[in-house]
Amino acid sequence: MEYVKVSRDIFEPISNLVKIGLYRNEHEALRSLVHNQAVNKVDHYAKKIGQMEKKYAMKFSEFEKMIHAKTDDEDFEAWDDFILWESYVKAYQYWEKLA
């Protein structure tokens, strides 16, 4: 396991949340804050994915198959959207594990 040295003042806002009684300890506060951030990110990326699904009227897996199956002229907008959509899906999956 690798450790990173972090200045104590970085944790001051978290310690203050404990001092005013919002959390029992710094561990609980940090877990809660990360969880809340993850929930917000999941919501954000779900909306982005929904926009792409609406634009193309299909799920990402279908779109991915379509993109890779194309043999005619390249559709640069579709490829750009594929790369963007794929990043939304990966980010969604990452944050969902933490939510």
Protein backbone atom coordinates (compact mmCIF):
# COMPACT_ATOMS: atom_id res chain seq x y z
CA MET A 1 0.00 0.00 0.00
CA GLU A 2 1.29 3.43 -0.93
CA TYR A 3 0.87 6.41 1.38
CA VAL A 4 0.65 10.03 0.43
CA LYS A 5 1.61 12.75 2.88
CA VAL A 6 -1.17 15.33 3.09
CA SER A 7 -1.01 18.58 4.97
CA ARG A 8 -3.31 18.67 8.02
CA ASP A 9 -4.98 21.89 6.83
CA ILE A 10 -6.47 19.94 3.94
CA PHE A 11 -8.60 18.07 6.47
CA GLU A 12 -9.64 21.17 8.41
CA PRO A 13 -13.03 21.53 6.65
CA ILE A 14 -13.77 17.87 7.38
CA SER A 15 -12.71 18.24 11.01
CA ASN A 16 -14.98 21.27 11.30
CA LEU A 17 -17.94 19.18 10.10
CA VAL A 18 -17.18 16.76 12.93
CA LYS A 19 -16.76 19.57 15.48
CA ILE A 20 -20.18 21.02 14.72
CA GLY A 21 -21.74 17.58 15.07
CA LEU A 22 -22.69 16.72 11.51
CA TYR A 23 -20.55 13.57 11.61
CA ARG A 24 -19.19 11.33 14.38
CA ASN A 25 -15.63 11.38 13.06
CA GLU A 26 -13.47 12.34 10.06
CA HIS A 27 -13.74 8.85 8.57
CA GLU A 28 -17.54 9.01 8.48
CA ALA A 29 -17.44 12.56 7.09
CA LEU A 30 -15.03 11.65 4.31
CA ARG A 31 -16.99 8.53 3.36
CA SER A 32 -20.19 10.54 3.23
CA LEU A 33 -18.65 13.29 1.14
CA VAL A 34 -17.20 10.81 -1.36
CA HIS A 35 -20.53 8.97 -1.51
CA ASN A 36 -22.41 12.23 -2.15
CA GLN A 37 -19.94 13.19 -4.86
CA ALA A 38 -20.35 9.78 -6.47
CA VAL A 39 -24.15 10.07 -6.42
CA ASN A 40 -23.91 13.48 -8.11
CA LYS A 41 -21.52 12.15 -10.74
CA VAL A 42 -23.74 9.13 -11.45
CA ASP A 43 -26.67 11.49 -11.98
CA HIS A 44 -24.59 13.78 -14.21
CA TYR A 45 -23.33 10.98 -16.43
CA ALA A 46 -26.74 9.29 -16.57
CA LYS A 47 -28.12 12.54 -18.02
CA LYS A 48 -25.29 12.77 -20.55
CA ILE A 49 -25.85 9.15 -21.58
CA GLY A 50 -29.58 9.84 -21.86
CA GLN A 51 -28.90 12.75 -24.21
CA MET A 52 -26.84 10.51 -26.48
CA GLU A 53 -29.46 7.76 -26.39
CA LYS A 54 -32.07 10.31 -27.40
CA LYS A 55 -29.88 11.75 -30.18
CA TYR A 56 -29.26 8.34 -31.75
CA ALA A 57 -32.43 6.54 -30.54
CA MET A 58 -30.41 3.59 -29.27
CA LYS A 59 -28.30 2.32 -26.39
CA PHE A 60 -24.51 2.69 -26.39
CA SER A 61 -23.90 -1.01 -27.08
CA GLU A 62 -26.01 -0.79 -30.25
CA PHE A 63 -24.29 2.41 -31.32
CA GLU A 64 -20.87 0.87 -30.74
CA LYS A 65 -21.75 -2.10 -32.97
CA MET A 66 -23.03 0.25 -35.65
CA ILE A 67 -19.88 2.38 -35.57
CA HIS A 68 -17.57 -0.63 -35.84
CA ALA A 69 -19.67 -2.20 -38.59
CA LYS A 70 -19.54 0.86 -40.88
CA THR A 71 -17.54 0.27 -44.03
CA ASP A 72 -18.52 3.35 -46.03
CA ASP A 73 -17.27 6.90 -45.60
CA GLU A 74 -16.37 7.87 -42.07
CA ASP A 75 -18.89 9.94 -40.18
CA PHE A 76 -16.65 12.16 -38.08
CA GLU A 77 -19.51 13.49 -35.96
CA ALA A 78 -20.60 9.94 -35.12
CA TRP A 79 -17.03 8.94 -34.24
CA ASP A 80 -16.63 12.01 -32.05
CA ASP A 81 -19.93 11.17 -30.37
CA PHE A 82 -18.81 7.56 -29.95
CA ILE A 83 -15.65 8.63 -28.13
CA LEU A 84 -17.58 11.06 -25.96
CA TRP A 85 -20.40 8.60 -25.23
CA GLU A 86 -17.91 5.87 -24.35
CA SER A 87 -16.24 8.23 -21.87
CA TYR A 88 -19.65 8.94 -20.30
CA VAL A 89 -20.33 5.22 -19.93
CA LYS A 90 -16.92 4.53 -18.36
CA ALA A 91 -17.24 7.47 -15.98
CA TYR A 92 -20.75 6.39 -15.04
CA GLN A 93 -19.56 2.85 -14.30
CA TYR A 94 -16.65 4.13 -12.20
CA TRP A 95 -18.75 6.47 -10.06
CA GLU A 96 -21.58 3.96 -9.73
CA LYS A 97 -19.20 1.63 -7.88
CA LEU A 98 -18.60 4.35 -5.29
CA ALA A 99 -22.21 5.50 -4.95
